Amino acid sequence: MREIPTPTFDLSPIALPRLSRGLLHRPIQSSIIQHQQTAAISGRSSIEVSWAKHQDEVREAQRLRFDVFATEMGARLQTTLAGHDIDVFDNYCEHLLVRDADTKRVVGTYRALTPAQAKRVGSTYSDSEFDLTRLRALRPHMVELGRSCVHIDYRQGAVIMALWGALAEFMERNQLHTMIGCASIPMLHNGIVSGDAAASIWRQVKEKHLAPFEHQVRPRLSLPVEVLDDSLDIAPPALIKGYLRLGAKVLGAPAWDPDFNTADLPMMMRISDMPDRYRKHFLGA
């Protein structure tokens, strides 16, 4: 078992969000050496949240990502290890894991690229899809979140909320006040590969959630929204709706990712923009 190189920041104890409606119960401290807490999913076994400490744990996250992105969603992944979603940024990221407490299987994951590690690798993943020049002043305290996925059998909401709670706590503890990332919209709509759904969602979100001009960015490979039908009555994916409820802003028009066959919206969330009820929910402040 190979130890992961010392992370940019100390790994923080994880506090799961205090959810209502019985989705999560009071966290229980684990005796495992890495900081873990558990919570019960309504009608299912409990879950554990932790940061990966060894390479084999990162491999578990990469296998889940492959299953979701490639097997389930049809992404064409260029990977160095069969059955794993691996890219150049993985070795520089902190990997957040949610496990089924009974089976110990990884059922949800996120990765976080801190400012110091972004300097080491030379960029963020978002830089490959967007010109982020206008975010230059934010970079010293900006973390990039990405590769979010949850196993199909665990998409009740509790897993993603546990991930968000841990990420919010990680950001606050390490004085990272800004989060950026690419939020994907599948190009497949009603069984047809088309950008019309993405264009329609872009029309909706830019009306109320577009960032101020000084933070707007440009896609490197634009989705041609001007020639697409943006009149569809279609709701944004649940993850995007969740980000917007947390106070996130859309930074500009979507890029097209041909490998994942998605339209990617650039999004930014700042802790200071989070509504009070969510700050209290996730951070107790």
C-alpha atoms as a PDB file:
ATOM      1  CA  MET A   1       0.000   0.000   0.000  1.00  0.00           C
ATOM      2  CA  ARG A   2       1.746   3.183  -1.192  1.00  0.00           C
ATOM      3  CA  GLU A   3       1.299   6.305   0.907  1.00  0.00           C
ATOM      4  CA  ILE A   4       0.154   9.362  -0.999  1.00  0.00           C
ATOM      5  CA  PRO A   5       2.688  12.258  -0.881  1.00  0.00           C
ATOM      6  CA  THR A   6       2.064  14.777   1.865  1.00  0.00           C
ATOM      7  CA  PRO A   7      -0.985  16.816   0.842  1.00  0.00           C
ATOM      8  CA  THR A   8      -0.873  20.578   0.403  1.00  0.00           C
ATOM      9  CA  PHE A   9      -2.835  21.121   3.594  1.00  0.00           C
ATOM     10  CA  ASP A  10      -3.347  18.994   6.665  1.00  0.00           C
ATOM     11  CA  LEU A  11      -6.334  16.757   6.180  1.00  0.00           C
ATOM     12  CA  SER A  12      -9.188  18.196   8.178  1.00  0.00           C
ATOM     13  CA  PRO A  13     -11.617  16.321  10.421  1.00  0.00           C
ATOM     14  CA  ILE A  14     -14.851  15.997   8.495  1.00  0.00           C
ATOM     15  CA  ALA A  15     -18.127  17.242   9.902  1.00  0.00           C
ATOM     16  CA  LEU A  16     -21.150  15.898   8.076  1.00  0.00           C
ATOM     17  CA  PRO A  17     -23.964  18.387   7.498  1.00  0.00           C
ATOM     18  CA  ARG A  18     -26.825  18.429   9.968  1.00  0.00           C
ATOM     19  CA  LEU A  19     -29.595  17.339   7.642  1.00  0.00           C
ATOM     20  CA  SER A  20     -33.290  17.354   8.349  1.00  0.00           C
ATOM     21  CA  ARG A  21     -35.910  14.833   7.229  1.00  0.00           C
ATOM     22  CA  GLY A  22     -33.928  11.934   8.706  1.00  0.00           C
ATOM     23  CA  LEU A  23     -31.446  11.651   5.848  1.00  0.00           C
ATOM     24  CA  LEU A  24     -28.464  11.774   8.167  1.00  0.00           C
ATOM     25  CA  HIS A  25     -28.253  11.004  11.866  1.00  0.00           C
ATOM     26  CA  ARG A  26     -25.765  12.411  14.350  1.00  0.00           C
ATOM     27  CA  PRO A  27     -22.199  11.650  13.157  1.00  0.00           C
ATOM     28  CA  ILE A  28     -20.317   8.924  15.017  1.00  0.00           C
ATOM     29  CA  GLN A  29     -16.533   9.183  15.412  1.00  0.00           C
ATOM     30  CA  SER A  30     -14.627   6.316  13.854  1.00  0.00           C
ATOM     31  CA  SER A  31     -11.583   4.740  15.467  1.00  0.00           C
ATOM     32  CA  ILE A  32      -9.862   4.402  12.078  1.00  0.00           C
ATOM     33  CA  ILE A  33      -6.647   6.449  11.844  1.00  0.00           C
ATOM     34  CA  GLN A  34      -7.941   8.743   9.105  1.00  0.00           C
ATOM     35  CA  HIS A  35     -10.695  11.090  10.209  1.00  0.00           C
ATOM     36  CA  GLN A  36     -14.063   9.538   9.469  1.00  0.00           C
ATOM     37  CA  GLN A  37     -17.617  10.009  10.539  1.00  0.00           C
ATOM     38  CA  THR A  38     -20.663   7.945   9.704  1.00  0.00           C
ATOM     39  CA  ALA A  39     -24.259   8.736   8.966  1.00  0.00           C
ATOM     40  CA  ALA A  40     -27.286   6.643   8.133  1.00  0.00           C
ATOM     41  CA  ILE A  41     -29.026   6.835   4.794  1.00  0.00           C
ATOM     42  CA  SER A  42     -32.753   6.502   5.151  1.00  0.00           C
ATOM     43  CA  GLY A  43     -33.699   2.908   4.353  1.00  0.00           C
ATOM     44  CA  ARG A  44     -30.089   1.922   3.673  1.00  0.00           C
ATOM     45  CA  SER A  45     -26.833   1.279   5.441  1.00  0.00           C
ATOM     46  CA  SER A  46     -24.748   4.100   6.859  1.00  0.00           C
ATOM     47  CA  ILE A  47     -22.037   5.969   4.997  1.00  0.00           C
ATOM     48  CA  GLU A  48     -18.531   7.085   5.928  1.00  0.00           C
ATOM     49  CA  VAL A  49     -16.728  10.164   4.630  1.00  0.00           C
ATOM     50  CA  SER A  50     -12.938  10.422   4.492  1.00  0.00           C
ATOM     51  CA  TRP A  51     -10.013  11.821   2.507  1.00  0.00           C
ATOM     52  CA  ALA A  52      -7.902   9.308   0.586  1.00  0.00           C
ATOM     53  CA  LYS A  53      -4.573   8.633   2.281  1.00  0.00           C
ATOM     54  CA  HIS A  54      -3.165   5.860   0.065  1.00  0.00           C
ATOM     55  CA  GLN A  55      -2.873   5.286  -3.665  1.00  0.00           C
ATOM     56  CA  ASP A  56      -5.168   2.260  -3.545  1.00  0.00           C
ATOM     57  CA  GLU A  57      -7.931   4.484  -2.132  1.00  0.00           C
ATOM     58  CA  VAL A  58      -7.484   6.873  -5.062  1.00  0.00           C
ATOM     59  CA  ARG A  59      -7.767   3.872  -7.370  1.00  0.00           C
ATOM     60  CA  GLU A  60     -11.139   3.048  -5.792  1.00  0.00           C
ATOM     61  CA  ALA A  61     -12.377   6.545  -6.640  1.00  0.00           C
ATOM     62  CA  GLN A  62     -11.019   6.252 -10.170  1.00  0.00           C
ATOM     63  CA  ARG A  63     -12.830   2.955 -10.688  1.00  0.00           C
ATOM     64  CA  LEU A  64     -16.113   4.494  -9.560  1.00  0.00           C
ATOM     65  CA  ARG A  65     -15.539   7.428 -11.894  1.00  0.00           C
ATOM     66  CA  PHE A  66     -14.921   5.049 -14.799  1.00  0.00           C
ATOM     67  CA  ASP A  67     -18.088   3.102 -14.038  1.00  0.00           C
ATOM     68  CA  VAL A  68     -20.194   6.275 -13.943  1.00  0.00           C
ATOM     69  CA  PHE A  69     -18.579   8.340 -16.708  1.00  0.00           C
ATOM     70  CA  ALA A  70     -17.583   5.655 -19.217  1.00  0.00           C
ATOM     71  CA  THR A  71     -19.812   2.644 -18.589  1.00  0.00           C
ATOM     72  CA  GLU A  72     -22.977   4.504 -17.618  1.00  0.00           C
ATOM     73  CA  MET A  73     -22.648   7.804 -19.501  1.00  0.00           C
ATOM     74  CA  GLY A  74     -20.579   6.694 -22.496  1.00  0.00           C
ATOM     75  CA  ALA A  75     -17.593   9.016 -22.063  1.00  0.00           C
ATOM     76  CA  ARG A  76     -14.519   8.245 -24.168  1.00  0.00           C
ATOM     77  CA  LEU A  77     -11.774   8.276 -21.576  1.00  0.00           C
ATOM     78  CA  GLN A  78      -8.086   8.268 -22.369  1.00  0.00           C
ATOM     79  CA  THR A  79      -6.743   6.350 -19.404  1.00  0.00           C
ATOM     80  CA  THR A  80      -3.452   4.737 -18.486  1.00  0.00           C
ATOM     81  CA  LEU A  81      -5.132   1.920 -16.534  1.00  0.00           C
ATOM     82  CA  ALA A  82      -8.050  -0.123 -17.824  1.00  0.00           C
ATOM     83  CA  GLY A  83     -11.281   0.376 -15.901  1.00  0.00           C
ATOM     84  CA  HIS A  84     -10.062   3.574 -14.221  1.00  0.00           C
ATOM     85  CA  ASP A  85     -10.675   7.252 -15.000  1.00  0.00           C
ATOM     86  CA  ILE A  86      -7.203   8.793 -14.609  1.00  0.00           C
ATOM     87  CA  ASP A  87      -5.824  12.126 -15.760  1.00  0.00           C
ATOM     88  CA  VAL A  88      -2.781  14.293 -15.096  1.00  0.00           C
ATOM     89  CA  PHE A  89      -4.480  16.212 -12.274  1.00  0.00           C
ATOM     90  CA  ASP A  90      -5.232  13.203 -10.073  1.00  0.00           C
ATOM     91  CA  ASN A  91      -1.744  13.030  -8.566  1.00  0.00           C
ATOM     92  CA  TYR A  92      -2.057  16.648  -7.416  1.00  0.00           C
ATOM     93  CA  CYS A  93      -5.583  16.490  -5.984  1.00  0.00           C
ATOM     94  CA  GLU A  94      -7.038  15.589  -2.629  1.00  0.00           C
ATOM     95  CA  HIS A  95      -9.677  12.876  -3.123  1.00  0.00           C
ATOM     96  CA  LEU A  96     -12.811  12.852  -0.984  1.00  0.00           C
ATOM     97  CA  LEU A  97     -14.525   9.485  -0.589  1.00  0.00           C
ATOM     98  CA  VAL A  98     -17.923   8.340   0.612  1.00  0.00           C
ATOM     99  CA  ARG A  99     -18.136   4.656   1.513  1.00  0.00           C
ATOM    100  CA  ASP A 100     -20.948   2.315   2.368  1.00  0.00           C
ATOM    101  CA  ALA A 101     -20.134   1.637   6.019  1.00  0.00           C
ATOM    102  CA  ASP A 102     -21.141  -2.025   5.726  1.00  0.00           C
ATOM    103  CA  THR A 103     -19.425  -3.029   2.481  1.00  0.00           C
ATOM    104  CA  LYS A 104     -16.673  -0.366   2.568  1.00  0.00           C
ATOM    105  CA  ARG A 105     -17.300   0.204  -1.144  1.00  0.00           C
ATOM    106  CA  VAL A 106     -16.656   3.742  -2.425  1.00  0.00           C
ATOM    107  CA  VAL A 107     -20.050   5.047  -3.562  1.00  0.00           C
ATOM    108  CA  GLY A 108     -19.286   8.739  -4.028  1.00  0.00           C
ATOM    109  CA  THR A 109     -16.274  10.917  -4.718  1.00  0.00           C
ATOM    110  CA  TYR A 110     -15.022  14.430  -5.420  1.00  0.00           C
ATOM    111  CA  ARG A 111     -11.518  15.696  -6.027  1.00  0.00           C
ATOM    112  CA  ALA A 112     -10.118  19.041  -4.865  1.00  0.00           C
ATOM    113  CA  LEU A 113      -7.168  20.883  -6.414  1.00  0.00           C
ATOM    114  CA  THR A 114      -5.762  23.440  -3.979  1.00  0.00           C
ATOM    115  CA  PRO A 115      -3.978  26.654  -5.064  1.00  0.00           C
ATOM    116  CA  ALA A 116      -0.495  25.362  -4.210  1.00  0.00           C
ATOM    117  CA  GLN A 117      -1.062  22.128  -6.118  1.00  0.00           C
ATOM    118  CA  ALA A 118      -2.521  24.013  -9.096  1.00  0.00           C
ATOM    119  CA  LYS A 119       0.765  25.926  -9.247  1.00  0.00           C
ATOM    120  CA  ARG A 120       2.699  22.660  -9.188  1.00  0.00           C
ATOM    121  CA  VAL A 121       0.747  21.087 -12.053  1.00  0.00           C
ATOM    122  CA  GLY A 122       0.637  24.398 -13.942  1.00  0.00           C
ATOM    123  CA  SER A 123      -3.109  24.937 -14.248  1.00  0.00           C
ATOM    124  CA  THR A 124      -6.518  23.656 -13.257  1.00  0.00           C
ATOM    125  CA  TYR A 125      -8.713  21.327 -15.281  1.00  0.00           C
ATOM    126  CA  SER A 126     -11.073  24.269 -15.834  1.00  0.00           C
ATOM    127  CA  ASP A 127      -8.225  26.171 -17.524  1.00  0.00           C
ATOM    128  CA  SER A 128      -8.292  23.548 -20.277  1.00  0.00           C
ATOM    129  CA  GLU A 129     -11.923  24.368 -21.052  1.00  0.00           C
ATOM    130  CA  PHE A 130     -12.093  28.099 -20.302  1.00  0.00           C
ATOM    131  CA  ASP A 131      -9.952  31.220 -20.379  1.00  0.00           C
ATOM    132  CA  LEU A 132      -9.879  32.042 -16.652  1.00  0.00           C
ATOM    133  CA  THR A 133      -7.825  35.244 -16.943  1.00  0.00           C
ATOM    134  CA  ARG A 134     -10.417  37.299 -15.059  1.00  0.00           C
ATOM    135  CA  LEU A 135     -10.164  34.998 -12.048  1.00  0.00           C
ATOM    136  CA  ARG A 136      -6.441  35.663 -11.619  1.00  0.00           C
ATOM    137  CA  ALA A 137      -6.858  37.688  -8.421  1.00  0.00           C
ATOM    138  CA  LEU A 138      -8.919  34.902  -6.822  1.00  0.00           C
ATOM    139  CA  ARG A 139      -6.447  32.061  -7.404  1.00  0.00           C
ATOM    140  CA  PRO A 140      -4.489  32.307  -4.099  1.00  0.00           C
ATOM    141  CA  HIS A 141      -7.629  31.237  -2.209  1.00  0.00           C
ATOM    142  CA  MET A 142      -9.439  29.308  -4.965  1.00  0.00           C
ATOM    143  CA  VAL A 143      -9.940  25.545  -4.956  1.00  0.00           C
ATOM    144  CA  GLU A 144     -11.118  23.619  -8.000  1.00  0.00           C
ATOM    145  CA  LEU A 145     -13.634  20.853  -7.406  1.00  0.00           C
ATOM    146  CA  GLY A 146     -14.324  18.202 -10.006  1.00  0.00           C
ATOM    147  CA  ARG A 147     -14.971  14.624 -11.045  1.00  0.00           C
ATOM    148  CA  SER A 148     -18.044  14.472  -8.820  1.00  0.00           C
ATOM    149  CA  CYS A 149     -19.961  11.229  -9.103  1.00  0.00           C
ATOM    150  CA  VAL A 150     -22.208   8.965  -7.033  1.00  0.00           C
ATOM    151  CA  HIS A 151     -22.959   5.286  -7.602  1.00  0.00           C
ATOM    152  CA  ILE A 152     -26.374   4.780  -9.194  1.00  0.00           C
ATOM    153  CA  ASP A 153     -27.686   2.893  -6.132  1.00  0.00           C
ATOM    154  CA  TYR A 154     -26.860   5.787  -3.748  1.00  0.00           C
ATOM    155  CA  ARG A 155     -28.317   8.846  -5.440  1.00  0.00           C
ATOM    156  CA  GLN A 156     -30.836   9.694  -2.739  1.00  0.00           C
ATOM    157  CA  GLY A 157     -29.201  13.019  -1.877  1.00  0.00           C
ATOM    158  CA  ALA A 158     -27.491  12.038   1.359  1.00  0.00           C
ATOM    159  CA  VAL A 159     -24.209  11.138  -0.331  1.00  0.00           C
ATOM    160  CA  ILE A 160     -23.856  14.387  -2.263  1.00  0.00           C
ATOM    161  CA  MET A 161     -24.855  16.402   0.803  1.00  0.00           C
ATOM    162  CA  ALA A 162     -22.208  14.603   2.850  1.00  0.00           C
ATOM    163  CA  LEU A 163     -19.630  15.407   0.178  1.00  0.00           C
ATOM    164  CA  TRP A 164     -20.648  19.074   0.121  1.00  0.00           C
ATOM    165  CA  GLY A 165     -20.516  19.323   3.891  1.00  0.00           C
ATOM    166  CA  ALA A 166     -16.990  17.909   3.989  1.00  0.00           C
ATOM    167  CA  LEU A 167     -15.838  20.162   1.144  1.00  0.00           C
ATOM    168  CA  ALA A 168     -17.299  23.293   2.746  1.00  0.00           C
ATOM    169  CA  GLU A 169     -15.541  22.479   6.007  1.00  0.00           C
ATOM    170  CA  PHE A 170     -12.277  21.799   4.144  1.00  0.00           C
ATOM    171  CA  MET A 171     -12.493  25.159   2.380  1.00  0.00           C
ATOM    172  CA  GLU A 172     -13.181  27.117   5.530  1.00  0.00           C
ATOM    173  CA  ARG A 173     -10.519  25.367   7.600  1.00  0.00           C
ATOM    174  CA  ASN A 174      -7.868  26.013   4.957  1.00  0.00           C
ATOM    175  CA  GLN A 175      -8.986  29.587   4.169  1.00  0.00           C
ATOM    176  CA  LEU A 176     -10.112  28.761   0.642  1.00  0.00           C
ATOM    177  CA  HIS A 177     -13.000  31.130   0.071  1.00  0.00           C
ATOM    178  CA  THR A 178     -13.732  30.418  -3.605  1.00  0.00           C
ATOM    179  CA  MET A 179     -14.656  27.207  -5.424  1.00  0.00           C
ATOM    180  CA  ILE A 180     -14.664  26.784  -9.198  1.00  0.00           C
ATOM    181  CA  GLY A 181     -15.505  23.832 -11.391  1.00  0.00           C
ATOM    182  CA  CYS A 182     -17.168  22.611 -14.564  1.00  0.00           C
ATOM    183  CA  ALA A 183     -20.780  21.452 -14.174  1.00  0.00           C
ATOM    184  CA  SER A 184     -21.757  19.058 -16.939  1.00  0.00           C
ATOM    185  CA  ILE A 185     -24.986  18.843 -18.924  1.00  0.00           C
ATOM    186  CA  PRO A 186     -25.430  15.611 -20.922  1.00  0.00           C
ATOM    187  CA  MET A 187     -25.883  16.147 -24.647  1.00  0.00           C
ATOM    188  CA  LEU A 188     -28.345  13.258 -24.825  1.00  0.00           C
ATOM    189  CA  HIS A 189     -31.946  14.457 -24.507  1.00  0.00           C
ATOM    190  CA  ASN A 190     -35.010  12.271 -25.134  1.00  0.00           C
ATOM    191  CA  GLY A 191     -32.747   9.662 -26.670  1.00  0.00           C
ATOM    192  CA  ILE A 192     -31.225  12.101 -29.159  1.00  0.00           C
ATOM    193  CA  VAL A 193     -27.722  13.571 -29.035  1.00  0.00           C
ATOM    194  CA  SER A 194     -28.298  17.303 -29.256  1.00  0.00           C
ATOM    195  CA  GLY A 195     -27.107  20.531 -27.672  1.00  0.00           C
ATOM    196  CA  ASP A 196     -30.641  21.940 -27.480  1.00  0.00           C
ATOM    197  CA  ALA A 197     -31.089  20.940 -23.823  1.00  0.00           C
ATOM    198  CA  ALA A 198     -27.803  22.560 -22.836  1.00  0.00           C
ATOM    199  CA  ALA A 199     -28.653  25.727 -24.769  1.00  0.00           C
ATOM    200  CA  SER A 200     -32.039  25.890 -23.034  1.00  0.00           C
ATOM    201  CA  ILE A 201     -30.487  25.438 -19.602  1.00  0.00           C
ATOM    202  CA  TRP A 202     -27.896  28.125 -20.371  1.00  0.00           C
ATOM    203  CA  ARG A 203     -30.707  30.516 -21.324  1.00  0.00           C
ATOM    204  CA  GLN A 204     -32.416  29.880 -17.995  1.00  0.00           C
ATOM    205  CA  VAL A 205     -29.442  30.134 -15.677  1.00  0.00           C
ATOM    206  CA  LYS A 206     -27.862  33.208 -17.239  1.00  0.00           C
ATOM    207  CA  GLU A 207     -31.012  35.234 -16.544  1.00  0.00           C
ATOM    208  CA  LYS A 208     -30.694  34.961 -12.752  1.00  0.00           C
ATOM    209  CA  HIS A 209     -27.331  33.413 -11.947  1.00  0.00           C
ATOM    210  CA  LEU A 210     -24.750  34.968 -14.287  1.00  0.00           C
ATOM    211  CA  ALA A 211     -21.653  36.262 -12.490  1.00  0.00           C
ATOM    212  CA  PRO A 212     -20.658  39.938 -12.682  1.00  0.00           C
ATOM    213  CA  PHE A 213     -18.727  40.927 -15.800  1.00  0.00           C
ATOM    214  CA  GLU A 214     -15.376  41.043 -13.980  1.00  0.00           C
ATOM    215  CA  HIS A 215     -15.632  37.299 -13.256  1.00  0.00           C
ATOM    216  CA  GLN A 216     -17.005  36.095 -16.579  1.00  0.00           C
ATOM    217  CA  VAL A 217     -14.923  33.645 -18.627  1.00  0.00           C
ATOM    218  CA  ARG A 218     -14.852  32.399 -22.210  1.00  0.00           C
ATOM    219  CA  PRO A 219     -14.985  28.776 -23.383  1.00  0.00           C
ATOM    220  CA  ARG A 220     -12.079  27.511 -25.460  1.00  0.00           C
ATOM    221  CA  LEU A 221     -14.361  25.212 -27.479  1.00  0.00           C
ATOM    222  CA  SER A 222     -17.772  26.830 -27.417  1.00  0.00           C
ATOM    223  CA  LEU A 223     -21.059  25.003 -27.604  1.00  0.00           C
ATOM    224  CA  PRO A 224     -22.707  26.759 -30.597  1.00  0.00           C
ATOM    225  CA  VAL A 225     -25.722  27.953 -28.617  1.00  0.00           C
ATOM    226  CA  GLU A 226     -26.614  30.558 -31.243  1.00  0.00           C
ATOM    227  CA  VAL A 227     -27.634  27.833 -33.719  1.00  0.00           C
ATOM    228  CA  LEU A 228     -29.375  25.590 -31.199  1.00  0.00           C
ATOM    229  CA  ASP A 229     -32.963  25.548 -29.987  1.00  0.00           C
ATOM    230  CA  ASP A 230     -32.891  27.158 -26.537  1.00  0.00           C
ATOM    231  CA  SER A 231     -36.664  27.169 -26.030  1.00  0.00           C
ATOM    232  CA  LEU A 232     -37.000  23.733 -24.406  1.00  0.00           C
ATOM    233  CA  ASP A 233     -38.733  23.594 -21.040  1.00  0.00           C
ATOM    234  CA  ILE A 234     -36.113  21.483 -19.319  1.00  0.00           C
ATOM    235  CA  ALA A 235     -34.763  21.740 -15.786  1.00  0.00           C
ATOM    236  CA  PRO A 236     -31.023  21.883 -15.088  1.00  0.00           C
ATOM    237  CA  PRO A 237     -29.401  18.707 -13.741  1.00  0.00           C
ATOM    238  CA  ALA A 238     -29.828  18.219  -9.992  1.00  0.00           C
ATOM    239  CA  LEU A 239     -26.172  18.987  -9.266  1.00  0.00           C
ATOM    240  CA  ILE A 240     -26.374  22.366 -11.022  1.00  0.00           C
ATOM    241  CA  LYS A 241     -29.614  23.214  -9.228  1.00  0.00           C
ATOM    242  CA  GLY A 242     -27.934  22.327  -5.964  1.00  0.00           C
ATOM    243  CA  TYR A 243     -24.973  24.592  -6.692  1.00  0.00           C
ATOM    244  CA  LEU A 244     -27.294  27.472  -7.547  1.00  0.00           C
ATOM    245  CA  ARG A 245     -29.214  27.032  -4.285  1.00  0.00           C
ATOM    246  CA  LEU A 246     -25.900  27.316  -2.470  1.00  0.00           C
ATOM    247  CA  GLY A 247     -25.291  30.699  -4.079  1.00  0.00           C
ATOM    248  CA  ALA A 248     -23.067  29.649  -6.984  1.00  0.00           C
ATOM    249  CA  LYS A 249     -22.766  31.811 -10.081  1.00  0.00           C
ATOM    250  CA  VAL A 250     -22.424  30.764 -13.711  1.00  0.00           C
ATOM    251  CA  LEU A 251     -19.310  32.375 -15.174  1.00  0.00           C
ATOM    252  CA  GLY A 252     -20.265  32.239 -18.843  1.00  0.00           C
ATOM    253  CA  ALA A 253     -21.516  30.247 -21.790  1.00  0.00           C
ATOM    254  CA  PRO A 254     -20.973  26.465 -21.885  1.00  0.00           C
ATOM    255  CA  ALA A 255     -18.001  24.736 -23.437  1.00  0.00           C
ATOM    256  CA  TRP A 256     -18.330  21.494 -25.362  1.00  0.00           C
ATOM    257  CA  ASP A 257     -16.378  18.521 -24.029  1.00  0.00           C
ATOM    258  CA  PRO A 258     -16.253  16.019 -26.918  1.00  0.00           C
ATOM    259  CA  ASP A 259     -14.682  13.229 -24.836  1.00  0.00           C
ATOM    260  CA  PHE A 260     -17.449  13.253 -22.229  1.00  0.00           C
ATOM    261  CA  ASN A 261     -20.013  14.457 -24.814  1.00  0.00           C
ATOM    262  CA  THR A 262     -21.279  17.071 -22.407  1.00  0.00           C
ATOM    263  CA  ALA A 263     -21.802  20.803 -22.316  1.00  0.00           C
ATOM    264  CA  ASP A 264     -19.843  22.184 -19.375  1.00  0.00           C
ATOM    265  CA  LEU A 265     -20.908  25.299 -17.505  1.00  0.00           C
ATOM    266  CA  PRO A 266     -18.174  27.184 -15.648  1.00  0.00           C
ATOM    267  CA  MET A 267     -19.352  27.766 -12.100  1.00  0.00           C
ATOM    268  CA  MET A 268     -18.025  29.578  -9.067  1.00  0.00           C
ATOM    269  CA  MET A 269     -19.192  29.513  -5.484  1.00  0.00           C
ATOM    270  CA  ARG A 270     -17.830  31.779  -2.758  1.00  0.00           C
ATOM    271  CA  ILE A 271     -18.368  31.028   0.909  1.00  0.00           C
ATOM    272  CA  SER A 272     -19.416  34.656   1.429  1.00  0.00           C
ATOM    273  CA  ASP A 273     -22.224  34.246  -1.128  1.00  0.00           C
ATOM    274  CA  MET A 274     -23.686  31.158   0.538  1.00  0.00           C
ATOM    275  CA  PRO A 275     -27.115  31.892   2.055  1.00  0.00           C
ATOM    276  CA  ASP A 276     -27.066  32.047   5.851  1.00  0.00           C
ATOM    277  CA  ARG A 277     -29.224  28.954   6.226  1.00  0.00           C
ATOM    278  CA  TYR A 278     -26.720  26.870   4.242  1.00  0.00           C
ATOM    279  CA  ARG A 279     -23.711  28.311   6.055  1.00  0.00           C
ATOM    280  CA  LYS A 280     -25.340  27.256   9.308  1.00  0.00           C
ATOM    281  CA  HIS A 281     -26.354  23.920   7.784  1.00  0.00           C
ATOM    282  CA  PHE A 282     -22.856  22.988   6.618  1.00  0.00           C
ATOM    283  CA  LEU A 283     -20.575  25.017   8.891  1.00  0.00           C
ATOM    284  CA  GLY A 284     -22.637  25.819  11.963  1.00  0.00           C
ATOM    285  CA  ALA A 285     -21.841  29.522  11.452  1.00  0.00           C
END
